[in-house]
Amino acid sequence: MWAAFVTAGKTSNWQDPQLSHFATSVALTTLTRSLFADHDAGLVTVGEPVLNPHVASVDPPNGPKKVVITDCGDSAHWLRHRADNGQLADTPGGRRLINAVVEKQPDGAWRVSDFGVHNVGTC
């Protein structure tokens, strides 16, 4: 999901079809609204986050339908800039706790259904 969001963020393309390949429900709505807001404000995202996700839980353990992923993502080099002149338009990033719920969909695909990105310094 994050790779698709990074790609879409380079142009603030809230309609990037790759987003729905990896996210659904609340997660997809959150991503597309964020990108639309950036587009509307004339912002694009430059760089990439550093991620190292880990499985926190699997439910049920046999034949899982839901997995919770946790990470301490680093957004220090993934910041918004003005699209018209390239100037930084963001506060410095840093390490932050990320939790995500990934659920098996009726088509058999696994997609992020919800996620939370906490404040810088939460991990």
PDB file of N, CA and C in Angstrom:
ATOM      1  N   MET A   1       0.822  -1.184   0.000  1.00  0.00           N
ATOM      2  CA  MET A   1       0.000   0.000   0.000  1.00  0.00           C
ATOM      3  C   MET A   1       0.871   1.255   0.000  1.00  0.00           C
ATOM      4  N   TRP A   2       1.909   1.240   0.853  1.00  0.00           N
ATOM      5  CA  TRP A   2       2.727   2.453   0.957  1.00  0.00           C
ATOM      6  C   TRP A   2       3.441   2.763  -0.351  1.00  0.00           C
ATOM      7  N   ALA A   3       3.893   1.732  -1.070  1.00  0.00           N
ATOM      8  CA  ALA A   3       4.572   1.981  -2.346  1.00  0.00           C
ATOM      9  C   ALA A   3       3.625   2.666  -3.334  1.00  0.00           C
ATOM     10  N   ALA A   4       2.368   2.225  -3.379  1.00  0.00           N
ATOM     11  CA  ALA A   4       1.381   2.856  -4.259  1.00  0.00           C
ATOM     12  C   ALA A   4       1.107   4.291  -3.819  1.00  0.00           C
ATOM     13  N   PHE A   5       1.054   4.516  -2.508  1.00  0.00           N
ATOM     14  CA  PHE A   5       0.806   5.859  -1.984  1.00  0.00           C
ATOM     15  C   PHE A   5       1.982   6.788  -2.291  1.00  0.00           C
ATOM     16  N   VAL A   6       3.201   6.273  -2.173  1.00  0.00           N
ATOM     17  CA  VAL A   6       4.393   7.070  -2.499  1.00  0.00           C
ATOM     18  C   VAL A   6       4.351   7.481  -3.970  1.00  0.00           C
ATOM     19  N   THR A   7       4.051   6.530  -4.849  1.00  0.00           N
ATOM     20  CA  THR A   7       3.980   6.826  -6.282  1.00  0.00           C
ATOM     21  C   THR A   7       2.894   7.853  -6.575  1.00  0.00           C
ATOM     22  N   ALA A   8       1.712   7.654  -6.013  1.00  0.00           N
ATOM     23  CA  ALA A   8       0.603   8.590  -6.230  1.00  0.00           C
ATOM     24  C   ALA A   8       0.929   9.967  -5.657  1.00  0.00           C
ATOM     25  N   GLY A   9       1.658   9.999  -4.560  1.00  0.00           N
ATOM     26  CA  GLY A   9       1.998  11.260  -3.909  1.00  0.00           C
ATOM     27  C   GLY A   9       2.936  12.135  -4.713  1.00  0.00           C
ATOM     28  N   LYS A  10       3.700  11.537  -5.614  1.00  0.00           N
ATOM     29  CA  LYS A  10       4.637  12.320  -6.430  1.00  0.00           C
ATOM     30  C   LYS A  10       3.916  13.340  -7.304  1.00  0.00           C
ATOM     31  N   THR A  11       2.653  13.040  -7.631  1.00  0.00           N
ATOM     32  CA  THR A  11       1.836  13.966  -8.423  1.00  0.00           C
ATOM     33  C   THR A  11       0.517  14.288  -7.716  1.00  0.00           C
ATOM     34  N   SER A  12       0.355  13.809  -6.497  1.00  0.00           N
ATOM     35  CA  SER A  12      -0.895  13.951  -5.730  1.00  0.00           C
ATOM     36  C   SER A  12      -2.090  13.432  -6.524  1.00  0.00           C
ATOM     37  N   ASN A  13      -1.897  12.270  -7.143  1.00  0.00           N
ATOM     38  CA  ASN A  13      -2.939  11.652  -7.966  1.00  0.00           C
ATOM     39  C   ASN A  13      -3.861  10.808  -7.097  1.00  0.00           C
ATOM     40  N   TRP A  14      -4.937  11.409  -6.625  1.00  0.00           N
ATOM     41  CA  TRP A  14      -5.878  10.709  -5.753  1.00  0.00           C
ATOM     42  C   TRP A  14      -6.672   9.641  -6.500  1.00  0.00           C
ATOM     43  N   GLN A  15      -6.590   9.616  -7.834  1.00  0.00           N
ATOM     44  CA  GLN A  15      -7.320   8.632  -8.630  1.00  0.00           C
ATOM     45  C   GLN A  15      -6.423   7.501  -9.128  1.00  0.00           C
ATOM     46  N   ASP A  16      -5.222   7.394  -8.618  1.00  0.00           N
ATOM     47  CA  ASP A  16      -4.299   6.341  -9.047  1.00  0.00           C
ATOM     48  C   ASP A  16      -4.940   4.975  -8.801  1.00  0.00           C
ATOM     49  N   PRO A  17      -5.138   4.166  -9.847  1.00  0.00           N
ATOM     50  CA  PRO A  17      -5.804   2.869  -9.679  1.00  0.00           C
ATOM     51  C   PRO A  17      -5.021   1.878  -8.822  1.00  0.00           C
ATOM     52  N   GLN A  18      -3.727   2.093  -8.663  1.00  0.00           N
ATOM     53  CA  GLN A  18      -2.939   1.176  -7.833  1.00  0.00           C
ATOM     54  C   GLN A  18      -3.351   1.238  -6.363  1.00  0.00           C
ATOM     55  N   LEU A  19      -3.877   2.364  -5.928  1.00  0.00           N
ATOM     56  CA  LEU A  19      -4.279   2.494  -4.526  1.00  0.00           C
ATOM     57  C   LEU A  19      -5.306   1.439  -4.144  1.00  0.00           C
ATOM     58  N   SER A  20      -6.281   1.195  -5.016  1.00  0.00           N
ATOM     59  CA  SER A  20      -7.334   0.223  -4.697  1.00  0.00           C
ATOM     60  C   SER A  20      -6.871  -1.220  -4.829  1.00  0.00           C
ATOM     61  N   HIS A  21      -5.702  -1.445  -5.378  1.00  0.00           N
ATOM     62  CA  HIS A  21      -5.147  -2.798  -5.419  1.00  0.00           C
ATOM     63  C   HIS A  21      -4.630  -3.209  -4.048  1.00  0.00           C
ATOM     64  N   PHE A  22      -4.281  -2.229  -3.226  1.00  0.00           N
ATOM     65  CA  PHE A  22      -3.657  -2.512  -1.938  1.00  0.00           C
ATOM     66  C   PHE A  22      -4.456  -2.030  -0.741  1.00  0.00           C
ATOM     67  N   ALA A  23      -5.434  -1.158  -0.961  1.00  0.00           N
ATOM     68  CA  ALA A  23      -6.216  -0.603   0.147  1.00  0.00           C
ATOM     69  C   ALA A  23      -7.699  -0.654  -0.188  1.00  0.00           C
ATOM     70  N   THR A  24      -8.512  -0.718   0.853  1.00  0.00           N
ATOM     71  CA  THR A  24      -9.963  -0.731   0.715  1.00  0.00           C
ATOM     72  C   THR A  24     -10.568  -0.026   1.918  1.00  0.00           C
ATOM     73  N   SER A  25     -11.839   0.217   1.869  1.00  0.00           N
ATOM     74  CA  SER A  25     -12.588   0.713   3.020  1.00  0.00           C
ATOM     75  C   SER A  25     -12.001   2.026   3.559  1.00  0.00           C
ATOM     76  N   VAL A  26     -11.870   2.114   4.869  1.00  0.00           N
ATOM     77  CA  VAL A  26     -11.384   3.334   5.526  1.00  0.00           C
ATOM     78  C   VAL A  26      -9.981   3.697   5.041  1.00  0.00           C
ATOM     79  N   ALA A  27      -9.135   2.699   4.853  1.00  0.00           N
ATOM     80  CA  ALA A  27      -7.761   2.965   4.412  1.00  0.00           C
ATOM     81  C   ALA A  27      -7.743   3.649   3.048  1.00  0.00           C
ATOM     82  N   LEU A  28      -8.518   3.145   2.108  1.00  0.00           N
ATOM     83  CA  LEU A  28      -8.550   3.736   0.771  1.00  0.00           C
ATOM     84  C   LEU A  28      -9.112   5.154   0.822  1.00  0.00           C
ATOM     85  N   THR A  29     -10.149   5.349   1.599  1.00  0.00           N
ATOM     86  CA  THR A  29     -10.730   6.685   1.748  1.00  0.00           C
ATOM     87  C   THR A  29      -9.717   7.658   2.337  1.00  0.00           C
ATOM     88  N   THR A  30      -8.984   7.223   3.355  1.00  0.00           N
ATOM     89  CA  THR A  30      -7.978   8.080   3.984  1.00  0.00           C
ATOM     90  C   THR A  30      -6.888   8.466   2.989  1.00  0.00           C
ATOM     91  N   LEU A  31      -6.404   7.499   2.229  1.00  0.00           N
ATOM     92  CA  LEU A  31      -5.350   7.772   1.249  1.00  0.00           C
ATOM     93  C   LEU A  31      -5.826   8.735   0.167  1.00  0.00           C
ATOM     94  N   THR A  32      -6.995   8.460  -0.408  1.00  0.00           N
ATOM     95  CA  THR A  32      -7.465   9.298  -1.509  1.00  0.00           C
ATOM     96  C   THR A  32      -7.813  10.708  -1.036  1.00  0.00           C
ATOM     97  N   ARG A  33      -8.373  10.833   0.150  1.00  0.00           N
ATOM     98  CA  ARG A  33      -8.677  12.176   0.672  1.00  0.00           C
ATOM     99  C   ARG A  33      -7.403  12.973   0.928  1.00  0.00           C
ATOM    100  N   SER A  34      -6.386  12.307   1.447  1.00  0.00           N
ATOM    101  CA  SER A  34      -5.111  12.974   1.695  1.00  0.00           C
ATOM    102  C   SER A  34      -4.494  13.466   0.384  1.00  0.00           C
ATOM    103  N   LEU A  35      -4.504  12.605  -0.616  1.00  0.00           N
ATOM    104  CA  LEU A  35      -3.947  12.985  -1.914  1.00  0.00           C
ATOM    105  C   LEU A  35      -4.759  14.098  -2.574  1.00  0.00           C
ATOM    106  N   PHE A  36      -6.079  14.028  -2.453  1.00  0.00           N
ATOM    107  CA  PHE A  36      -6.918  15.083  -3.024  1.00  0.00           C
ATOM    108  C   PHE A  36      -6.637  16.422  -2.344  1.00  0.00           C
ATOM    109  N   ALA A  37      -6.513  16.397  -1.023  1.00  0.00           N
ATOM    110  CA  ALA A  37      -6.219  17.633  -0.281  1.00  0.00           C
ATOM    111  C   ALA A  37      -4.878  18.214  -0.720  1.00  0.00           C
ATOM    112  N   ASP A  38      -3.867  17.346  -0.890  1.00  0.00           N
ATOM    113  CA  ASP A  38      -2.564  17.824  -1.359  1.00  0.00           C
ATOM    114  C   ASP A  38      -2.676  18.405  -2.769  1.00  0.00           C
ATOM    115  N   HIS A  39      -3.398  17.708  -3.645  1.00  0.00           N
ATOM    116  CA  HIS A  39      -3.597  18.196  -5.014  1.00  0.00           C
ATOM    117  C   HIS A  39      -4.257  19.569  -5.003  1.00  0.00           C
ATOM    118  N   ASP A  40      -5.306  19.683  -4.214  1.00  0.00           N
ATOM    119  CA  ASP A  40      -6.052  20.940  -4.118  1.00  0.00           C
ATOM    120  C   ASP A  40      -5.176  22.080  -3.578  1.00  0.00           C
ATOM    121  N   ALA A  41      -4.235  21.738  -2.694  1.00  0.00           N
ATOM    122  CA  ALA A  41      -3.338  22.741  -2.104  1.00  0.00           C
ATOM    123  C   ALA A  41      -2.087  22.984  -2.950  1.00  0.00           C
ATOM    124  N   GLY A  42      -1.950  22.250  -4.062  1.00  0.00           N
ATOM    125  CA  GLY A  42      -0.784  22.431  -4.918  1.00  0.00           C
ATOM    126  C   GLY A  42       0.479  21.797  -4.363  1.00  0.00           C
ATOM    127  N   LEU A  43       0.312  20.687  -3.634  1.00  0.00           N
ATOM    128  CA  LEU A  43       1.449  20.014  -3.012  1.00  0.00           C
ATOM    129  C   LEU A  43       1.703  18.653  -3.645  1.00  0.00           C
ATOM    130  N   VAL A  44       2.950  18.239  -3.635  1.00  0.00           N
ATOM    131  CA  VAL A  44       3.360  16.892  -4.027  1.00  0.00           C
ATOM    132  C   VAL A  44       4.300  16.368  -2.953  1.00  0.00           C
ATOM    133  N   THR A  45       4.463  15.070  -2.920  1.00  0.00           N
ATOM    134  CA  THR A  45       5.339  14.468  -1.922  1.00  0.00           C
ATOM    135  C   THR A  45       6.633  14.027  -2.592  1.00  0.00           C
ATOM    136  N   VAL A  46       7.743  14.339  -1.956  1.00  0.00           N
ATOM    137  CA  VAL A  46       9.066  14.027  -2.483  1.00  0.00           C
ATOM    138  C   VAL A  46       9.753  13.057  -1.532  1.00  0.00           C
ATOM    139  N   GLY A  47      10.441  12.068  -2.099  1.00  0.00           N
ATOM    140  CA  GLY A  47      11.171  11.098  -1.294  1.00  0.00           C
ATOM    141  C   GLY A  47      10.333   9.870  -0.989  1.00  0.00           C
ATOM    142  N   GLU A  48      10.813   9.084  -0.046  1.00  0.00           N
ATOM    143  CA  GLU A  48      10.125   7.856   0.351  1.00  0.00           C
ATOM    144  C   GLU A  48      10.306   7.637   1.840  1.00  0.00           C
ATOM    145  N   PRO A  49       9.317   7.001   2.468  1.00  0.00           N
ATOM    146  CA  PRO A  49       9.487   6.646   3.874  1.00  0.00           C
ATOM    147  C   PRO A  49      10.380   5.413   3.988  1.00  0.00           C
ATOM    148  N   VAL A  50      10.966   5.232   5.147  1.00  0.00           N
ATOM    149  CA  VAL A  50      11.709   4.007   5.440  1.00  0.00           C
ATOM    150  C   VAL A  50      10.798   3.159   6.311  1.00  0.00           C
ATOM    151  N   LEU A  51      10.483   1.965   5.833  1.00  0.00           N
ATOM    152  CA  LEU A  51       9.538   1.090   6.519  1.00  0.00           C
ATOM    153  C   LEU A  51      10.179  -0.252   6.827  1.00  0.00           C
ATOM    154  N   ASN A  52       9.753  -0.852   7.926  1.00  0.00           N
ATOM    155  CA  ASN A  52      10.206  -2.179   8.324  1.00  0.00           C
ATOM    156  C   ASN A  52       9.052  -2.861   9.066  1.00  0.00           C
ATOM    157  N   PRO A  53       7.981  -3.221   8.340  1.00  0.00           N
ATOM    158  CA  PRO A  53       6.780  -3.746   8.991  1.00  0.00           C
ATOM    159  C   PRO A  53       6.968  -5.142   9.578  1.00  0.00           C
ATOM    160  N   HIS A  54       6.191  -5.402  10.636  1.00  0.00           N
ATOM    161  CA  HIS A  54       6.195  -6.700  11.311  1.00  0.00           C
ATOM    162  C   HIS A  54       4.760  -7.118  11.587  1.00  0.00           C
ATOM    163  N   VAL A  55       4.507  -8.405  11.548  1.00  0.00           N
ATOM    164  CA  VAL A  55       3.188  -8.927  11.898  1.00  0.00           C
ATOM    165  C   VAL A  55       3.039  -8.875  13.410  1.00  0.00           C
ATOM    166  N   ALA A  56       1.990  -8.199  13.870  1.00  0.00           N
ATOM    167  CA  ALA A  56       1.717  -8.094  15.308  1.00  0.00           C
ATOM    168  C   ALA A  56       0.732  -9.160  15.758  1.00  0.00           C
ATOM    169  N   SER A  57      -0.241  -9.495  14.896  1.00  0.00           N
ATOM    170  CA  SER A  57      -1.207 -10.538  15.239  1.00  0.00           C
ATOM    171  C   SER A  57      -1.863 -11.082  13.980  1.00  0.00           C
ATOM    172  N   VAL A  58      -2.359 -12.311  14.114  1.00  0.00           N
ATOM    173  CA  VAL A  58      -3.054 -13.004  13.033  1.00  0.00           C
ATOM    174  C   VAL A  58      -4.350 -13.543  13.613  1.00  0.00           C
ATOM    175  N   ASP A  59      -5.476 -13.323  12.913  1.00  0.00           N
ATOM    176  CA  ASP A  59      -6.770 -13.750  13.438  1.00  0.00           C
ATOM    177  C   ASP A  59      -7.623 -14.367  12.335  1.00  0.00           C
ATOM    178  N   PRO A  60      -8.120 -15.566  12.519  1.00  0.00           N
ATOM    179  CA  PRO A  60      -7.692 -16.521  13.535  1.00  0.00           C
ATOM    180  C   PRO A  60      -6.340 -17.120  13.152  1.00  0.00           C
ATOM    181  N   PRO A  61      -5.663 -17.708  14.116  1.00  0.00           N
ATOM    182  CA  PRO A  61      -4.327 -18.254  13.849  1.00  0.00           C
ATOM    183  C   PRO A  61      -4.309 -19.302  12.728  1.00  0.00           C
ATOM    184  N   ASN A  62      -5.337 -20.133  12.676  1.00  0.00           N
ATOM    185  CA  ASN A  62      -5.450 -21.131  11.604  1.00  0.00           C
ATOM    186  C   ASN A  62      -6.441 -20.605  10.577  1.00  0.00           C
ATOM    187  N   GLY A  63      -5.991 -20.395   9.367  1.00  0.00           N
ATOM    188  CA  GLY A  63      -6.863 -19.841   8.335  1.00  0.00           C
ATOM    189  C   GLY A  63      -7.155 -18.375   8.546  1.00  0.00           C
ATOM    190  N   PRO A  64      -6.122 -17.556   8.655  1.00  0.00           N
ATOM    191  CA  PRO A  64      -6.312 -16.139   8.984  1.00  0.00           C
ATOM    192  C   PRO A  64      -7.161 -15.382   7.964  1.00  0.00           C
ATOM    193  N   LYS A  65      -7.915 -14.443   8.493  1.00  0.00           N
ATOM    194  CA  LYS A  65      -8.728 -13.532   7.682  1.00  0.00           C
ATOM    195  C   LYS A  65      -8.310 -12.081   7.934  1.00  0.00           C
ATOM    196  N   LYS A  66      -7.586 -11.870   9.047  1.00  0.00           N
ATOM    197  CA  LYS A  66      -7.152 -10.515   9.409  1.00  0.00           C
ATOM    198  C   LYS A  66      -5.755 -10.582  10.018  1.00  0.00           C
ATOM    199  N   VAL A  67      -4.916  -9.648   9.612  1.00  0.00           N
ATOM    200  CA  VAL A  67      -3.558  -9.542  10.135  1.00  0.00           C
ATOM    201  C   VAL A  67      -3.339  -8.087  10.549  1.00  0.00           C
ATOM    202  N   VAL A  68      -2.756  -7.900  11.721  1.00  0.00           N
ATOM    203  CA  VAL A  68      -2.392  -6.559  12.164  1.00  0.00           C
ATOM    204  C   VAL A  68      -0.886  -6.408  11.974  1.00  0.00           C
ATOM    205  N   ILE A  69      -0.519  -5.349  11.288  1.00  0.00           N
ATOM    206  CA  ILE A  69       0.884  -5.050  10.990  1.00  0.00           C
ATOM    207  C   ILE A  69       1.280  -3.817  11.794  1.00  0.00           C
ATOM    208  N   THR A  70       2.474  -3.832  12.344  1.00  0.00           N
ATOM    209  CA  THR A  70       2.991  -2.659  13.051  1.00  0.00           C
ATOM    210  C   THR A  70       4.355  -2.284  12.479  1.00  0.00           C
ATOM    211  N   ASP A  71       4.677  -1.031  12.582  1.00  0.00           N
ATOM    212  CA  ASP A  71       5.932  -0.537  12.027  1.00  0.00           C
ATOM    213  C   ASP A  71       6.351   0.719  12.786  1.00  0.00           C
ATOM    214  N   CYS A  72       7.624   1.009  12.717  1.00  0.00           N
ATOM    215  CA  CYS A  72       8.139   2.287  13.192  1.00  0.00           C
ATOM    216  C   CYS A  72       8.709   2.966  11.951  1.00  0.00           C
ATOM    217  N   GLY A  73       7.825   3.595  11.193  1.00  0.00           N
ATOM    218  CA  GLY A  73       8.209   4.200   9.926  1.00  0.00           C
ATOM    219  C   GLY A  73       8.956   5.508  10.125  1.00  0.00           C
ATOM    220  N   ASP A  74       9.857   5.781   9.207  1.00  0.00           N
ATOM    221  CA  ASP A  74      10.644   7.014   9.265  1.00  0.00           C
ATOM    222  C   ASP A  74      10.280   7.887   8.064  1.00  0.00           C
ATOM    223  N   SER A  75       9.681   9.023   8.342  1.00  0.00           N
ATOM    224  CA  SER A  75       9.246   9.936   7.280  1.00  0.00           C
ATOM    225  C   SER A  75      10.183  11.133   7.111  1.00  0.00           C
ATOM    226  N   ALA A  76      11.397  11.030   7.650  1.00  0.00           N
ATOM    227  CA  ALA A  76      12.338  12.162   7.606  1.00  0.00           C
ATOM    228  C   ALA A  76      12.658  12.606   6.175  1.00  0.00           C
ATOM    229  N   HIS A  77      12.625  11.681   5.234  1.00  0.00           N
ATOM    230  CA  HIS A  77      12.967  12.000   3.846  1.00  0.00           C
ATOM    231  C   HIS A  77      11.774  11.777   2.927  1.00  0.00           C
ATOM    232  N   TRP A  78      10.573  12.026   3.463  1.00  0.00           N
ATOM    233  CA  TRP A  78       9.328  11.873   2.699  1.00  0.00           C
ATOM    234  C   TRP A  78       8.436  13.045   3.072  1.00  0.00           C
ATOM    235  N   LEU A  79       8.613  14.151   2.362  1.00  0.00           N
ATOM    236  CA  LEU A  79       7.988  15.412   2.753  1.00  0.00           C
ATOM    237  C   LEU A  79       7.250  16.069   1.588  1.00  0.00           C
ATOM    238  N   ARG A  80       6.254  16.855   1.929  1.00  0.00           N
ATOM    239  CA  ARG A  80       5.485  17.586   0.919  1.00  0.00           C
ATOM    240  C   ARG A  80       6.219  18.860   0.508  1.00  0.00           C
ATOM    241  N   HIS A  81       6.117  19.125  -0.789  1.00  0.00           N
ATOM    242  CA  HIS A  81       6.706  20.322  -1.387  1.00  0.00           C
ATOM    243  C   HIS A  81       5.654  20.987  -2.272  1.00  0.00           C
ATOM    244  N   ARG A  82       5.827  22.267  -2.511  1.00  0.00           N
ATOM    245  CA  ARG A  82       4.938  22.969  -3.439  1.00  0.00           C
ATOM    246  C   ARG A  82       5.216  22.463  -4.853  1.00  0.00           C
ATOM    247  N   ALA A  83       4.163  22.130  -5.573  1.00  0.00           N
ATOM    248  CA  ALA A  83       4.315  21.612  -6.933  1.00  0.00           C
ATOM    249  C   ALA A  83       4.830  22.679  -7.894  1.00  0.00           C
ATOM    250  N   ASP A  84       4.503  23.940  -7.645  1.00  0.00           N
ATOM    251  CA  ASP A  84       4.866  25.000  -8.585  1.00  0.00           C
ATOM    252  C   ASP A  84       6.316  25.455  -8.491  1.00  0.00           C
ATOM    253  N   ASN A  85       6.913  25.362  -7.297  1.00  0.00           N
ATOM    254  CA  ASN A  85       8.287  25.859  -7.169  1.00  0.00           C
ATOM    255  C   ASN A  85       9.233  24.917  -6.419  1.00  0.00           C
ATOM    256  N   GLY A  86       8.716  23.790  -5.949  1.00  0.00           N
ATOM    257  CA  GLY A  86       9.551  22.799  -5.278  1.00  0.00           C
ATOM    258  C   GLY A  86       9.931  23.115  -3.849  1.00  0.00           C
ATOM    259  N   GLN A  87       9.450  24.227  -3.307  1.00  0.00           N
ATOM    260  CA  GLN A  87       9.803  24.594  -1.934  1.00  0.00           C
ATOM    261  C   GLN A  87       9.155  23.650  -0.923  1.00  0.00           C
ATOM    262  N   LEU A  88       9.889  23.375   0.139  1.00  0.00           N
ATOM    263  CA  LEU A  88       9.386  22.546   1.224  1.00  0.00           C
ATOM    264  C   LEU A  88       8.141  23.188   1.826  1.00  0.00           C
ATOM    265  N   ALA A  89       7.098  22.385   2.006  1.00  0.00           N
ATOM    266  CA  ALA A  89       5.837  22.879   2.564  1.00  0.00           C
ATOM    267  C   ALA A  89       5.382  21.982   3.708  1.00  0.00           C
ATOM    268  N   ASP A  90       6.330  21.385   4.407  1.00  0.00           N
ATOM    269  CA  ASP A  90       6.030  20.392   5.432  1.00  0.00           C
ATOM    270  C   ASP A  90       6.958  20.597   6.618  1.00  0.00           C
ATOM    271  N   THR A  91       6.556  20.087   7.757  1.00  0.00           N
ATOM    272  CA  THR A  91       7.449  20.074   8.912  1.00  0.00           C
ATOM    273  C   THR A  91       8.336  18.843   8.801  1.00  0.00           C
ATOM    274  N   PRO A  92       9.524  18.881   9.376  1.00  0.00           N
ATOM    275  CA  PRO A  92      10.404  17.718   9.283  1.00  0.00           C
ATOM    276  C   PRO A  92       9.727  16.454   9.811  1.00  0.00           C
ATOM    277  N   GLY A  93       9.961  15.359   9.113  1.00  0.00           N
ATOM    278  CA  GLY A  93       9.400  14.083   9.532  1.00  0.00           C
ATOM    279  C   GLY A  93      10.291  13.422  10.560  1.00  0.00           C
ATOM    280  N   GLY A  94      10.014  12.165  10.814  1.00  0.00           N
ATOM    281  CA  GLY A  94      10.797  11.396  11.771  1.00  0.00           C
ATOM    282  C   GLY A  94      10.170  10.032  11.975  1.00  0.00           C
ATOM    283  N   ARG A  95      10.597   9.364  13.037  1.00  0.00           N
ATOM    284  CA  ARG A  95      10.096   8.014  13.309  1.00  0.00           C
ATOM    285  C   ARG A  95       8.745   8.096  14.001  1.00  0.00           C
ATOM    286  N   ARG A  96       7.817   7.272  13.500  1.00  0.00           N
ATOM    287  CA  ARG A  96       6.457   7.285  14.036  1.00  0.00           C
ATOM    288  C   ARG A  96       5.848   5.890  13.964  1.00  0.00           C
ATOM    289  N   LEU A  97       5.036   5.586  14.952  1.00  0.00           N
ATOM    290  CA  LEU A  97       4.349   4.299  15.006  1.00  0.00           C
ATOM    291  C   LEU A  97       3.270   4.251  13.934  1.00  0.00           C
ATOM    292  N   ILE A  98       3.219   3.120  13.220  1.00  0.00           N
ATOM    293  CA  ILE A  98       2.183   2.877  12.215  1.00  0.00           C
ATOM    294  C   ILE A  98       1.561   1.521  12.518  1.00  0.00           C
ATOM    295  N   ASN A  99       0.244   1.474  12.587  1.00  0.00           N
ATOM    296  CA  ASN A  99      -0.495   0.221  12.741  1.00  0.00           C
ATOM    297  C   ASN A  99      -1.424   0.083  11.547  1.00  0.00           C
ATOM    298  N   ALA A 100      -1.557  -1.133  11.035  1.00  0.00           N
ATOM    299  CA  ALA A 100      -2.448  -1.357   9.897  1.00  0.00           C
ATOM    300  C   ALA A 100      -3.188  -2.672  10.068  1.00  0.00           C
ATOM    301  N   VAL A 101      -4.441  -2.678   9.641  1.00  0.00           N
ATOM    302  CA  VAL A 101      -5.252  -3.891   9.611  1.00  0.00           C
ATOM    303  C   VAL A 101      -5.337  -4.325   8.152  1.00  0.00           C
ATOM    304  N   VAL A 102      -4.930  -5.561   7.892  1.00  0.00           N
ATOM    305  CA  VAL A 102      -4.956  -6.118   6.544  1.00  0.00           C
ATOM    306  C   VAL A 102      -5.943  -7.277   6.563  1.00  0.00           C
ATOM    307  N   GLU A 103      -6.921  -7.242   5.663  1.00  0.00           N
ATOM    308  CA  GLU A 103      -7.965  -8.264   5.671  1.00  0.00           C
ATOM    309  C   GLU A 103      -8.062  -8.967   4.324  1.00  0.00           C
ATOM    310  N   LYS A 104      -8.359 -10.268   4.412  1.00  0.00           N
ATOM    311  CA  LYS A 104      -8.565 -11.062   3.206  1.00  0.00           C
ATOM    312  C   LYS A 104      -9.914 -10.685   2.614  1.00  0.00           C
ATOM    313  N   GLN A 105      -9.899 -10.350   1.344  1.00  0.00           N
ATOM    314  CA  GLN A 105     -11.100  -9.899   0.650  1.00  0.00           C
ATOM    315  C   GLN A 105     -11.826 -11.075  -0.006  1.00  0.00           C
ATOM    316  N   PRO A 106     -13.091 -10.896  -0.378  1.00  0.00           N
ATOM    317  CA  PRO A 106     -13.839 -11.978  -1.029  1.00  0.00           C
ATOM    318  C   PRO A 106     -13.165 -12.523  -2.289  1.00  0.00           C
ATOM    319  N   ASP A 107     -12.385 -11.687  -2.983  1.00  0.00           N
ATOM    320  CA  ASP A 107     -11.685 -12.158  -4.186  1.00  0.00           C
ATOM    321  C   ASP A 107     -10.374 -12.875  -3.861  1.00  0.00           C
ATOM    322  N   GLY A 108     -10.074 -13.025  -2.557  1.00  0.00           N
ATOM    323  CA  GLY A 108      -8.862 -13.715  -2.125  1.00  0.00           C
ATOM    324  C   GLY A 108      -7.665 -12.803  -1.921  1.00  0.00           C
ATOM    325  N   ALA A 109      -7.759 -11.566  -2.363  1.00  0.00           N
ATOM    326  CA  ALA A 109      -6.652 -10.616  -2.198  1.00  0.00           C
ATOM    327  C   ALA A 109      -6.618 -10.096  -0.765  1.00  0.00           C
ATOM    328  N   TRP A 110      -5.427  -9.749  -0.311  1.00  0.00           N
ATOM    329  CA  TRP A 110      -5.248  -9.119   0.992  1.00  0.00           C
ATOM    330  C   TRP A 110      -5.092  -7.627   0.764  1.00  0.00           C
ATOM    331  N   ARG A 111      -5.923  -6.822   1.465  1.00  0.00           N
ATOM    332  CA  ARG A 111      -5.845  -5.365   1.325  1.00  0.00           C
ATOM    333  C   ARG A 111      -5.896  -4.712   2.700  1.00  0.00           C
ATOM    334  N   VAL A 112      -5.220  -3.584   2.813  1.00  0.00           N
ATOM    335  CA  VAL A 112      -5.264  -2.802   4.048  1.00  0.00           C
ATOM    336  C   VAL A 112      -6.654  -2.180   4.140  1.00  0.00           C
ATOM    337  N   SER A 113      -7.342  -2.438   5.260  1.00  0.00           N
ATOM    338  CA  SER A 113      -8.691  -1.892   5.439  1.00  0.00           C
ATOM    339  C   SER A 113      -8.701  -0.674   6.363  1.00  0.00           C
ATOM    340  N   ASP A 114      -7.698  -0.554   7.209  1.00  0.00           N
ATOM    341  CA  ASP A 114      -7.608   0.587   8.115  1.00  0.00           C
ATOM    342  C   ASP A 114      -6.156   0.728   8.561  1.00  0.00           C
ATOM    343  N   PHE A 115      -5.771   1.929   8.902  1.00  0.00           N
ATOM    344  CA  PHE A 115      -4.421   2.146   9.415  1.00  0.00           C
ATOM    345  C   PHE A 115      -4.395   3.421  10.233  1.00  0.00           C
ATOM    346  N   GLY A 116      -3.382   3.522  11.065  1.00  0.00           N
ATOM    347  CA  GLY A 116      -3.172   4.719  11.860  1.00  0.00           C
ATOM    348  C   GLY A 116      -1.703   5.078  11.848  1.00  0.00           C
ATOM    349  N   VAL A 117      -1.419   6.337  11.583  1.00  0.00           N
ATOM    350  CA  VAL A 117      -0.049   6.851  11.607  1.00  0.00           C
ATOM    351  C   VAL A 117       0.017   7.832  12.768  1.00  0.00           C
ATOM    352  N   HIS A 118       0.860   7.534  13.734  1.00  0.00           N
ATOM    353  CA  HIS A 118       0.943   8.342  14.945  1.00  0.00           C
ATOM    354  C   HIS A 118       1.961   9.472  14.787  1.00  0.00           C
ATOM    355  N   ASN A 119       2.039  10.325  15.765  1.00  0.00           N
ATOM    356  CA  ASN A 119       2.929  11.488  15.726  1.00  0.00           C
ATOM    357  C   ASN A 119       4.402  11.096  15.683  1.00  0.00           C
ATOM    358  N   VAL A 120       5.215  12.001  15.163  1.00  0.00           N
ATOM    359  CA  VAL A 120       6.665  11.808  15.176  1.00  0.00           C
ATOM    360  C   VAL A 120       7.110  11.633  16.624  1.00  0.00           C
ATOM    361  N   GLY A 121       8.002  10.665  16.835  1.00  0.00           N
ATOM    362  CA  GLY A 121       8.530  10.404  18.171  1.00  0.00           C
ATOM    363  C   GLY A 121       7.788   9.325  18.932  1.00  0.00           C
ATOM    364  N   THR A 122       6.806   8.673  18.299  1.00  0.00           N
ATOM    365  CA  THR A 122       6.033   7.644  19.000  1.00  0.00           C
ATOM    366  C   THR A 122       6.698   6.275  18.961  1.00  0.00           C
ATOM    367  N   CYS A 123       7.856   6.185  18.371  1.00  0.00           N
ATOM    368  CA  CYS A 123       8.619   4.930  18.425  1.00  0.00           C
ATOM    369  C   CYS A 123      10.098   5.221  18.208  1.00  0.00           C
TER     370      CYS A 123
END
